[in-house]
């Protein structure tokens, strides 16, 4: 069995990052409302800031989300087309 056109390790990292309910919720919410900062996520999810930051780090390291500085805050969004496709497929169910 060959998998010439698919990078299994990259997909495994994405699925591992999305396997936690909170991280999946964060990614899904960022699809609906891009350019969200940590404070807004904490407020919406009712989770402490350090916990949200830890989840964001895992998502960034797996290339699920990206962040950019906007004045004194970092705004996050889902830019990875593979992740967008996965999340859209999950939303269909």
PDB file of N, CA and C in Angstrom:
ATOM      1  N   UNK A   1       0.854  -1.174   0.000  1.00  0.00           N
ATOM      2  CA  UNK A   1       0.000   0.000   0.000  1.00  0.00           C
ATOM      3  C   UNK A   1       0.902   1.240   0.000  1.00  0.00           C
ATOM      4  N   UNK A   2       0.716   2.084  -0.988  1.00  0.00           N
ATOM      5  CA  UNK A   2       1.529   3.292  -1.108  1.00  0.00           C
ATOM      6  C   UNK A   2       0.693   4.523  -0.792  1.00  0.00           C
ATOM      7  N   UNK A   3       1.345   5.493  -0.196  1.00  0.00           N
ATOM      8  CA  UNK A   3       0.702   6.778   0.080  1.00  0.00           C
ATOM      9  C   UNK A   3       1.630   7.887  -0.403  1.00  0.00           C
ATOM     10  N   UNK A   4       1.833   7.920  -1.718  1.00  0.00           N
ATOM     11  CA  UNK A   4       2.796   8.832  -2.318  1.00  0.00           C
ATOM     12  C   UNK A   4       2.405  10.300  -2.191  1.00  0.00           C
ATOM     13  N   UNK A   5       1.123  10.603  -2.270  1.00  0.00           N
ATOM     14  CA  UNK A   5       0.684  11.995  -2.313  1.00  0.00           C
ATOM     15  C   UNK A   5       0.148  12.517  -0.987  1.00  0.00           C
ATOM     16  N   UNK A   6       0.277  11.759   0.066  1.00  0.00           N
ATOM     17  CA  UNK A   6      -0.269  12.195   1.344  1.00  0.00           C
ATOM     18  C   UNK A   6       0.823  12.118   2.409  1.00  0.00           C
ATOM     19  N   UNK A   7       0.937  13.153   3.191  1.00  0.00           N
ATOM     20  CA  UNK A   7       1.915  13.191   4.271  1.00  0.00           C
ATOM     21  C   UNK A   7       1.218  12.743   5.552  1.00  0.00           C
ATOM     22  N   UNK A   8       1.347  11.475   5.860  1.00  0.00           N
ATOM     23  CA  UNK A   8       0.654  10.867   6.997  1.00  0.00           C
ATOM     24  C   UNK A   8       1.009  11.571   8.303  1.00  0.00           C
ATOM     25  N   UNK A   9       2.272  11.919   8.491  1.00  0.00           N
ATOM     26  CA  UNK A   9       2.688  12.556   9.742  1.00  0.00           C
ATOM     27  C   UNK A   9       2.006  13.906   9.951  1.00  0.00           C
ATOM     28  N   UNK A  10       1.855  14.683   8.878  1.00  0.00           N
ATOM     29  CA  UNK A  10       1.185  15.987   8.999  1.00  0.00           C
ATOM     30  C   UNK A  10      -0.281  15.813   9.364  1.00  0.00           C
ATOM     31  N   UNK A  11      -0.943  14.869   8.696  1.00  0.00           N
ATOM     32  CA  UNK A  11      -2.351  14.623   9.016  1.00  0.00           C
ATOM     33  C   UNK A  11      -2.507  14.077  10.432  1.00  0.00           C
ATOM     34  N   UNK A  12      -1.594  13.221  10.853  1.00  0.00           N
ATOM     35  CA  UNK A  12      -1.656  12.677  12.213  1.00  0.00           C
ATOM     36  C   UNK A  12      -1.527  13.795  13.244  1.00  0.00           C
ATOM     37  N   UNK A  13      -0.630  14.744  12.993  1.00  0.00           N
ATOM     38  CA  UNK A  13      -0.462  15.877  13.913  1.00  0.00           C
ATOM     39  C   UNK A  13      -1.720  16.737  13.963  1.00  0.00           C
ATOM     40  N   UNK A  14      -2.345  16.951  12.816  1.00  0.00           N
ATOM     41  CA  UNK A  14      -3.582  17.736  12.769  1.00  0.00           C
ATOM     42  C   UNK A  14      -4.683  17.038  13.550  1.00  0.00           C
ATOM     43  N   UNK A  15      -4.872  15.738  13.279  1.00  0.00           N
ATOM     44  CA  UNK A  15      -5.932  15.003  13.971  1.00  0.00           C
ATOM     45  C   UNK A  15      -5.654  14.888  15.468  1.00  0.00           C
ATOM     46  N   UNK A  16      -4.397  14.747  15.839  1.00  0.00           N
ATOM     47  CA  UNK A  16      -4.049  14.686  17.262  1.00  0.00           C
ATOM     48  C   UNK A  16      -4.393  16.009  17.947  1.00  0.00           C
ATOM     49  N   UNK A  17      -4.072  17.113  17.286  1.00  0.00           N
ATOM     50  CA  UNK A  17      -4.380  18.427  17.860  1.00  0.00           C
ATOM     51  C   UNK A  17      -5.883  18.643  17.973  1.00  0.00           C
ATOM     52  N   UNK A  18      -6.636  18.175  16.993  1.00  0.00           N
ATOM     53  CA  UNK A  18      -8.091  18.367  16.994  1.00  0.00           C
ATOM     54  C   UNK A  18      -8.824  17.328  17.840  1.00  0.00           C
ATOM     55  N   UNK A  19      -8.106  16.339  18.370  1.00  0.00           N
ATOM     56  CA  UNK A  19      -8.746  15.253  19.112  1.00  0.00           C
ATOM     57  C   UNK A  19      -9.293  15.690  20.468  1.00  0.00           C
ATOM     58  N   UNK A  20      -8.817  16.796  20.994  1.00  0.00           N
ATOM     59  CA  UNK A  20      -9.316  17.293  22.282  1.00  0.00           C
ATOM     60  C   UNK A  20     -10.554  18.149  22.035  1.00  0.00           C
ATOM     61  N   UNK A  21     -11.629  17.933  22.796  1.00  0.00           N
ATOM     62  CA  UNK A  21     -12.871  18.692  22.561  1.00  0.00           C
ATOM     63  C   UNK A  21     -12.695  20.213  22.604  1.00  0.00           C
ATOM     64  N   UNK A  22     -11.876  20.701  23.513  1.00  0.00           N
ATOM     65  CA  UNK A  22     -11.682  22.152  23.609  1.00  0.00           C
ATOM     66  C   UNK A  22     -10.962  22.684  22.380  1.00  0.00           C
ATOM     67  N   UNK A  23      -9.945  21.978  21.928  1.00  0.00           N
ATOM     68  CA  UNK A  23      -9.206  22.437  20.741  1.00  0.00           C
ATOM     69  C   UNK A  23     -10.067  22.354  19.493  1.00  0.00           C
ATOM     70  N   UNK A  24     -10.880  21.321  19.387  1.00  0.00           N
ATOM     71  CA  UNK A  24     -11.794  21.215  18.251  1.00  0.00           C
ATOM     72  C   UNK A  24     -12.793  22.363  18.280  1.00  0.00           C
ATOM     73  N   UNK A  25     -13.286  22.697  19.464  1.00  0.00           N
ATOM     74  CA  UNK A  25     -14.216  23.820  19.615  1.00  0.00           C
ATOM     75  C   UNK A  25     -13.548  25.131  19.218  1.00  0.00           C
ATOM     76  N   UNK A  26     -12.321  25.336  19.662  1.00  0.00           N
ATOM     77  CA  UNK A  26     -11.588  26.559  19.312  1.00  0.00           C
ATOM     78  C   UNK A  26     -11.435  26.663  17.794  1.00  0.00           C
ATOM     79  N   UNK A  27     -10.986  25.596  17.160  1.00  0.00           N
ATOM     80  CA  UNK A  27     -10.778  25.619  15.707  1.00  0.00           C
ATOM     81  C   UNK A  27     -12.094  25.847  14.973  1.00  0.00           C
ATOM     82  N   UNK A  28     -13.133  25.165  15.409  1.00  0.00           N
ATOM     83  CA  UNK A  28     -14.435  25.310  14.758  1.00  0.00           C
ATOM     84  C   UNK A  28     -14.956  26.742  14.910  1.00  0.00           C
ATOM     85  N   UNK A  29     -14.817  27.310  16.108  1.00  0.00           N
ATOM     86  CA  UNK A  29     -15.269  28.688  16.346  1.00  0.00           C
ATOM     87  C   UNK A  29     -14.448  29.695  15.539  1.00  0.00           C
ATOM     88  N   UNK A  30     -13.165  29.416  15.351  1.00  0.00           N
ATOM     89  CA  UNK A  30     -12.335  30.312  14.547  1.00  0.00           C
ATOM     90  C   UNK A  30     -12.716  30.269  13.072  1.00  0.00           C
ATOM     91  N   UNK A  31     -13.314  29.175  12.645  1.00  0.00           N
ATOM     92  CA  UNK A  31     -13.831  29.119  11.267  1.00  0.00           C
ATOM     93  C   UNK A  31     -15.014  30.071  11.129  1.00  0.00           C
ATOM     94  N   UNK A  32     -15.861  30.105  12.143  1.00  0.00           N
ATOM     95  CA  UNK A  32     -17.057  30.948  12.103  1.00  0.00           C
ATOM     96  C   UNK A  32     -16.724  32.411  12.378  1.00  0.00           C
ATOM     97  N   UNK A  33     -15.734  32.631  13.241  1.00  0.00           N
ATOM     98  CA  UNK A  33     -15.378  33.996  13.635  1.00  0.00           C
ATOM     99  C   UNK A  33     -13.857  34.145  13.624  1.00  0.00           C
ATOM    100  N   UNK A  34     -13.287  34.350  12.436  1.00  0.00           N
ATOM    101  CA  UNK A  34     -11.833  34.499  12.363  1.00  0.00           C
ATOM    102  C   UNK A  34     -11.375  35.798  13.029  1.00  0.00           C
ATOM    103  N   UNK A  35     -10.074  35.874  13.219  1.00  0.00           N
ATOM    104  CA  UNK A  35      -9.468  37.060  13.827  1.00  0.00           C
ATOM    105  C   UNK A  35      -9.920  37.249  15.272  1.00  0.00           C
ATOM    106  N   UNK A  36      -9.941  36.181  16.012  1.00  0.00           N
ATOM    107  CA  UNK A  36     -10.367  36.214  17.412  1.00  0.00           C
ATOM    108  C   UNK A  36      -9.127  36.226  18.309  1.00  0.00           C
ATOM    109  N   UNK A  37      -9.192  36.964  19.419  1.00  0.00           N
ATOM    110  CA  UNK A  37      -8.062  37.009  20.341  1.00  0.00           C
ATOM    111  C   UNK A  37      -8.324  36.116  21.558  1.00  0.00           C
ATOM    112  N   UNK A  38      -7.309  35.945  22.385  1.00  0.00           N
ATOM    113  CA  UNK A  38      -7.393  35.045  23.534  1.00  0.00           C
ATOM    114  C   UNK A  38      -8.475  35.489  24.512  1.00  0.00           C
ATOM    115  N   UNK A  39      -8.575  36.767  24.775  1.00  0.00           N
ATOM    116  CA  UNK A  39      -9.572  37.264  25.733  1.00  0.00           C
ATOM    117  C   UNK A  39     -10.986  36.898  25.313  1.00  0.00           C
ATOM    118  N   UNK A  40     -11.271  37.075  24.037  1.00  0.00           N
ATOM    119  CA  UNK A  40     -12.602  36.743  23.529  1.00  0.00           C
ATOM    120  C   UNK A  40     -12.867  35.241  23.634  1.00  0.00           C
ATOM    121  N   UNK A  41     -11.834  34.434  23.345  1.00  0.00           N
ATOM    122  CA  UNK A  41     -11.982  32.977  23.456  1.00  0.00           C
ATOM    123  C   UNK A  41     -12.253  32.560  24.897  1.00  0.00           C
ATOM    124  N   UNK A  42     -11.522  33.162  25.834  1.00  0.00           N
ATOM    125  CA  UNK A  42     -11.724  32.849  27.255  1.00  0.00           C
ATOM    126  C   UNK A  42     -13.151  33.167  27.675  1.00  0.00           C
ATOM    127  N   UNK A  43     -13.636  34.300  27.225  1.00  0.00           N
ATOM    128  CA  UNK A  43     -14.993  34.731  27.559  1.00  0.00           C
ATOM    129  C   UNK A  43     -16.036  33.778  26.970  1.00  0.00           C
ATOM    130  N   UNK A  44     -15.872  33.421  25.716  1.00  0.00           N
ATOM    131  CA  UNK A  44     -16.847  32.546  25.044  1.00  0.00           C
ATOM    132  C   UNK A  44     -16.827  31.129  25.596  1.00  0.00           C
ATOM    133  N   UNK A  45     -15.638  30.615  25.865  1.00  0.00           N
ATOM    134  CA  UNK A  45     -15.499  29.225  26.292  1.00  0.00           C
ATOM    135  C   UNK A  45     -15.579  29.046  27.802  1.00  0.00           C
ATOM    136  N   UNK A  46     -15.506  30.158  28.539  1.00  0.00           N
ATOM    137  CA  UNK A  46     -15.505  30.104  30.006  1.00  0.00           C
ATOM    138  C   UNK A  46     -14.340  29.244  30.518  1.00  0.00           C
ATOM    139  N   UNK A  47     -13.170  29.499  29.957  1.00  0.00           N
ATOM    140  CA  UNK A  47     -11.949  28.773  30.311  1.00  0.00           C
ATOM    141  C   UNK A  47     -10.884  29.806  30.675  1.00  0.00           C
ATOM    142  N   UNK A  48     -10.053  29.525  31.688  1.00  0.00           N
ATOM    143  CA  UNK A  48      -9.001  30.475  32.075  1.00  0.00           C
ATOM    144  C   UNK A  48      -7.994  30.719  30.944  1.00  0.00           C
ATOM    145  N   UNK A  49      -7.418  31.899  30.953  1.00  0.00           N
ATOM    146  CA  UNK A  49      -6.484  32.308  29.905  1.00  0.00           C
ATOM    147  C   UNK A  49      -5.296  31.360  29.747  1.00  0.00           C
ATOM    148  N   UNK A  50      -4.658  30.899  30.836  1.00  0.00           N
ATOM    149  CA  UNK A  50      -3.524  29.986  30.629  1.00  0.00           C
ATOM    150  C   UNK A  50      -3.920  28.690  29.913  1.00  0.00           C
ATOM    151  N   UNK A  51      -5.109  28.197  30.195  1.00  0.00           N
ATOM    152  CA  UNK A  51      -5.581  26.968  29.553  1.00  0.00           C
ATOM    153  C   UNK A  51      -5.818  27.199  28.067  1.00  0.00           C
ATOM    154  N   UNK A  52      -6.462  28.304  27.732  1.00  0.00           N
ATOM    155  CA  UNK A  52      -6.699  28.632  26.322  1.00  0.00           C
ATOM    156  C   UNK A  52      -5.361  28.795  25.603  1.00  0.00           C
ATOM    157  N   UNK A  53      -4.413  29.466  26.224  1.00  0.00           N
ATOM    158  CA  UNK A  53      -3.099  29.669  25.610  1.00  0.00           C
ATOM    159  C   UNK A  53      -2.391  28.342  25.341  1.00  0.00           C
ATOM    160  N   UNK A  54      -2.506  27.393  26.272  1.00  0.00           N
ATOM    161  CA  UNK A  54      -1.895  26.073  26.062  1.00  0.00           C
ATOM    162  C   UNK A  54      -2.522  25.370  24.861  1.00  0.00           C
ATOM    163  N   UNK A  55      -3.840  25.434  24.759  1.00  0.00           N
ATOM    164  CA  UNK A  55      -4.524  24.813  23.627  1.00  0.00           C
ATOM    165  C   UNK A  55      -4.137  25.495  22.315  1.00  0.00           C
ATOM    166  N   UNK A  56      -4.029  26.813  22.322  1.00  0.00           N
ATOM    167  CA  UNK A  56      -3.637  27.548  21.118  1.00  0.00           C
ATOM    168  C   UNK A  56      -2.226  27.172  20.672  1.00  0.00           C
ATOM    169  N   UNK A  57      -1.328  26.977  21.620  1.00  0.00           N
ATOM    170  CA  UNK A  57       0.041  26.574  21.294  1.00  0.00           C
ATOM    171  C   UNK A  57       0.052  25.223  20.585  1.00  0.00           C
ATOM    172  N   UNK A  58      -0.733  24.290  21.086  1.00  0.00           N
ATOM    173  CA  UNK A  58      -0.816  22.965  20.460  1.00  0.00           C
ATOM    174  C   UNK A  58      -1.375  23.083  19.045  1.00  0.00           C
ATOM    175  N   UNK A  59      -2.418  23.882  18.882  1.00  0.00           N
ATOM    176  CA  UNK A  59      -3.019  24.068  17.559  1.00  0.00           C
ATOM    177  C   UNK A  59      -2.050  24.753  16.594  1.00  0.00           C
ATOM    178  N   UNK A  60      -1.302  25.736  17.081  1.00  0.00           N
ATOM    179  CA  UNK A  60      -0.316  26.423  16.226  1.00  0.00           C
ATOM    180  C   UNK A  60       0.809  25.477  15.822  1.00  0.00           C
ATOM    181  N   UNK A  61       1.297  24.690  16.776  1.00  0.00           N
ATOM    182  CA  UNK A  61       2.398  23.767  16.485  1.00  0.00           C
ATOM    183  C   UNK A  61       2.009  22.704  15.463  1.00  0.00           C
ATOM    184  N   UNK A  62       0.725  22.373  15.403  1.00  0.00           N
ATOM    185  CA  UNK A  62       0.235  21.394  14.427  1.00  0.00           C
ATOM    186  C   UNK A  62      -0.194  22.069  13.122  1.00  0.00           C
ATOM    187  N   UNK A  63       0.028  23.368  13.022  1.00  0.00           N
ATOM    188  CA  UNK A  63      -0.367  24.157  11.842  1.00  0.00           C
ATOM    189  C   UNK A  63      -1.866  24.110  11.575  1.00  0.00           C
ATOM    190  N   UNK A  64      -2.641  24.023  12.645  1.00  0.00           N
ATOM    191  CA  UNK A  64      -4.097  24.070  12.530  1.00  0.00           C
ATOM    192  C   UNK A  64      -4.548  25.521  12.448  1.00  0.00           C
ATOM    193  N   UNK A  65      -3.920  26.387  13.238  1.00  0.00           N
ATOM    194  CA  UNK A  65      -4.260  27.807  13.266  1.00  0.00           C
ATOM    195  C   UNK A  65      -2.993  28.635  13.091  1.00  0.00           C
ATOM    196  N   UNK A  66      -3.196  29.907  12.825  1.00  0.00           N
ATOM    197  CA  UNK A  66      -2.083  30.854  12.787  1.00  0.00           C
ATOM    198  C   UNK A  66      -2.500  32.090  13.565  1.00  0.00           C
ATOM    199  N   UNK A  67      -1.505  32.816  14.029  1.00  0.00           N
ATOM    200  CA  UNK A  67      -1.791  34.035  14.774  1.00  0.00           C
ATOM    201  C   UNK A  67      -0.935  35.175  14.269  1.00  0.00           C
ATOM    202  N   UNK A  68      -1.496  36.367  14.343  1.00  0.00           N
ATOM    203  CA  UNK A  68      -0.715  37.547  13.980  1.00  0.00           C
ATOM    204  C   UNK A  68      -1.028  38.671  14.965  1.00  0.00           C
ATOM    205  N   UNK A  69      -0.004  39.474  15.192  1.00  0.00           N
ATOM    206  CA  UNK A  69      -0.129  40.567  16.158  1.00  0.00           C
ATOM    207  C   UNK A  69      -0.949  41.699  15.564  1.00  0.00           C
ATOM    208  N   UNK A  70      -1.886  42.186  16.373  1.00  0.00           N
ATOM    209  CA  UNK A  70      -2.720  43.325  16.014  1.00  0.00           C
ATOM    210  C   UNK A  70      -2.664  44.277  17.205  1.00  0.00           C
ATOM    211  N   UNK A  71      -1.786  45.265  17.132  1.00  0.00           N
ATOM    212  CA  UNK A  71      -1.522  46.186  18.250  1.00  0.00           C
ATOM    213  C   UNK A  71      -0.962  45.378  19.420  1.00  0.00           C
ATOM    214  N   UNK A  72      -1.668  45.341  20.547  1.00  0.00           N
ATOM    215  CA  UNK A  72      -1.144  44.652  21.729  1.00  0.00           C
ATOM    216  C   UNK A  72      -1.768  43.276  21.945  1.00  0.00           C
ATOM    217  N   UNK A  73      -2.397  42.726  20.931  1.00  0.00           N
ATOM    218  CA  UNK A  73      -3.003  41.400  21.073  1.00  0.00           C
ATOM    219  C   UNK A  73      -2.669  40.543  19.855  1.00  0.00           C
ATOM    220  N   UNK A  74      -2.837  39.239  20.019  1.00  0.00           N
ATOM    221  CA  UNK A  74      -2.631  38.317  18.906  1.00  0.00           C
ATOM    222  C   UNK A  74      -3.985  37.781  18.488  1.00  0.00           C
ATOM    223  N   UNK A  75      -4.274  37.887  17.209  1.00  0.00           N
ATOM    224  CA  UNK A  75      -5.532  37.384  16.657  1.00  0.00           C
ATOM    225  C   UNK A  75      -5.251  36.083  15.921  1.00  0.00           C
ATOM    226  N   UNK A  76      -6.153  35.130  16.086  1.00  0.00           N
ATOM    227  CA  UNK A  76      -5.969  33.794  15.522  1.00  0.00           C
ATOM    228  C   UNK A  76      -7.014  33.502  14.467  1.00  0.00           C
ATOM    229  N   UNK A  77      -6.634  32.622  13.531  1.00  0.00           N
ATOM    230  CA  UNK A  77      -7.586  32.155  12.526  1.00  0.00           C
ATOM    231  C   UNK A  77      -7.098  30.831  11.950  1.00  0.00           C
ATOM    232  N   UNK A  78      -8.017  30.119  11.321  1.00  0.00           N
ATOM    233  CA  UNK A  78      -7.685  28.878  10.631  1.00  0.00           C
ATOM    234  C   UNK A  78      -7.355  29.254   9.192  1.00  0.00           C
ATOM    235  N   UNK A  79      -6.128  28.972   8.772  1.00  0.00           N
ATOM    236  CA  UNK A  79      -5.701  29.287   7.402  1.00  0.00           C
ATOM    237  C   UNK A  79      -5.358  28.036   6.607  1.00  0.00           C
ATOM    238  N   UNK A  80      -5.048  26.964   7.295  1.00  0.00           N
ATOM    239  CA  UNK A  80      -4.627  25.731   6.643  1.00  0.00           C
ATOM    240  C   UNK A  80      -5.788  25.153   5.832  1.00  0.00           C
ATOM    241  N   UNK A  81      -5.658  25.079   4.506  1.00  0.00           N
ATOM    242  CA  UNK A  81      -6.770  24.596   3.679  1.00  0.00           C
ATOM    243  C   UNK A  81      -7.189  23.161   4.005  1.00  0.00           C
ATOM    244  N   UNK A  82      -6.245  22.331   4.430  1.00  0.00           N
ATOM    245  CA  UNK A  82      -6.584  20.957   4.811  1.00  0.00           C
ATOM    246  C   UNK A  82      -7.472  20.950   6.047  1.00  0.00           C
ATOM    247  N   UNK A  83      -7.146  21.801   7.006  1.00  0.00           N
ATOM    248  CA  UNK A  83      -7.939  21.882   8.239  1.00  0.00           C
ATOM    249  C   UNK A  83      -9.317  22.454   7.934  1.00  0.00           C
ATOM    250  N   UNK A  84      -9.371  23.463   7.095  1.00  0.00           N
ATOM    251  CA  UNK A  84     -10.661  24.046   6.708  1.00  0.00           C
ATOM    252  C   UNK A  84     -11.549  22.975   6.088  1.00  0.00           C
ATOM    253  N   UNK A  85     -10.967  22.169   5.217  1.00  0.00           N
ATOM    254  CA  UNK A  85     -11.725  21.095   4.568  1.00  0.00           C
ATOM    255  C   UNK A  85     -12.230  20.079   5.598  1.00  0.00           C
ATOM    256  N   UNK A  86     -11.382  19.703   6.546  1.00  0.00           N
ATOM    257  CA  UNK A  86     -11.768  18.748   7.595  1.00  0.00           C
ATOM    258  C   UNK A  86     -12.902  19.314   8.439  1.00  0.00           C
ATOM    259  N   UNK A  87     -12.767  20.563   8.871  1.00  0.00           N
ATOM    260  CA  UNK A  87     -13.786  21.172   9.733  1.00  0.00           C
ATOM    261  C   UNK A  87     -15.111  21.351   9.000  1.00  0.00           C
ATOM    262  N   UNK A  88     -15.048  21.714   7.731  1.00  0.00           N
ATOM    263  CA  UNK A  88     -16.286  21.846   6.949  1.00  0.00           C
ATOM    264  C   UNK A  88     -16.975  20.493   6.802  1.00  0.00           C
ATOM    265  N   UNK A  89     -16.198  19.454   6.622  1.00  0.00           N
ATOM    266  CA  UNK A  89     -16.768  18.115   6.499  1.00  0.00           C
ATOM    267  C   UNK A  89     -17.424  17.695   7.818  1.00  0.00           C
ATOM    268  N   UNK A  90     -16.781  17.998   8.931  1.00  0.00           N
ATOM    269  CA  UNK A  90     -17.360  17.678  10.243  1.00  0.00           C
ATOM    270  C   UNK A  90     -18.655  18.449  10.479  1.00  0.00           C
ATOM    271  N   UNK A  91     -18.705  19.668   9.982  1.00  0.00           N
ATOM    272  CA  UNK A  91     -19.887  20.511  10.184  1.00  0.00           C
ATOM    273  C   UNK A  91     -21.094  19.993   9.410  1.00  0.00           C
ATOM    274  N   UNK A  92     -20.857  19.190   8.381  1.00  0.00           N
ATOM    275  CA  UNK A  92     -21.962  18.653   7.586  1.00  0.00           C
ATOM    276  C   UNK A  92     -22.780  17.622   8.352  1.00  0.00           C
ATOM    277  N   UNK A  93     -22.175  16.986   9.338  1.00  0.00           N
ATOM    278  CA  UNK A  93     -22.894  15.945  10.093  1.00  0.00           C
ATOM    279  C   UNK A  93     -23.893  16.485  11.048  1.00  0.00           C
TER     280      UNK A  93
END
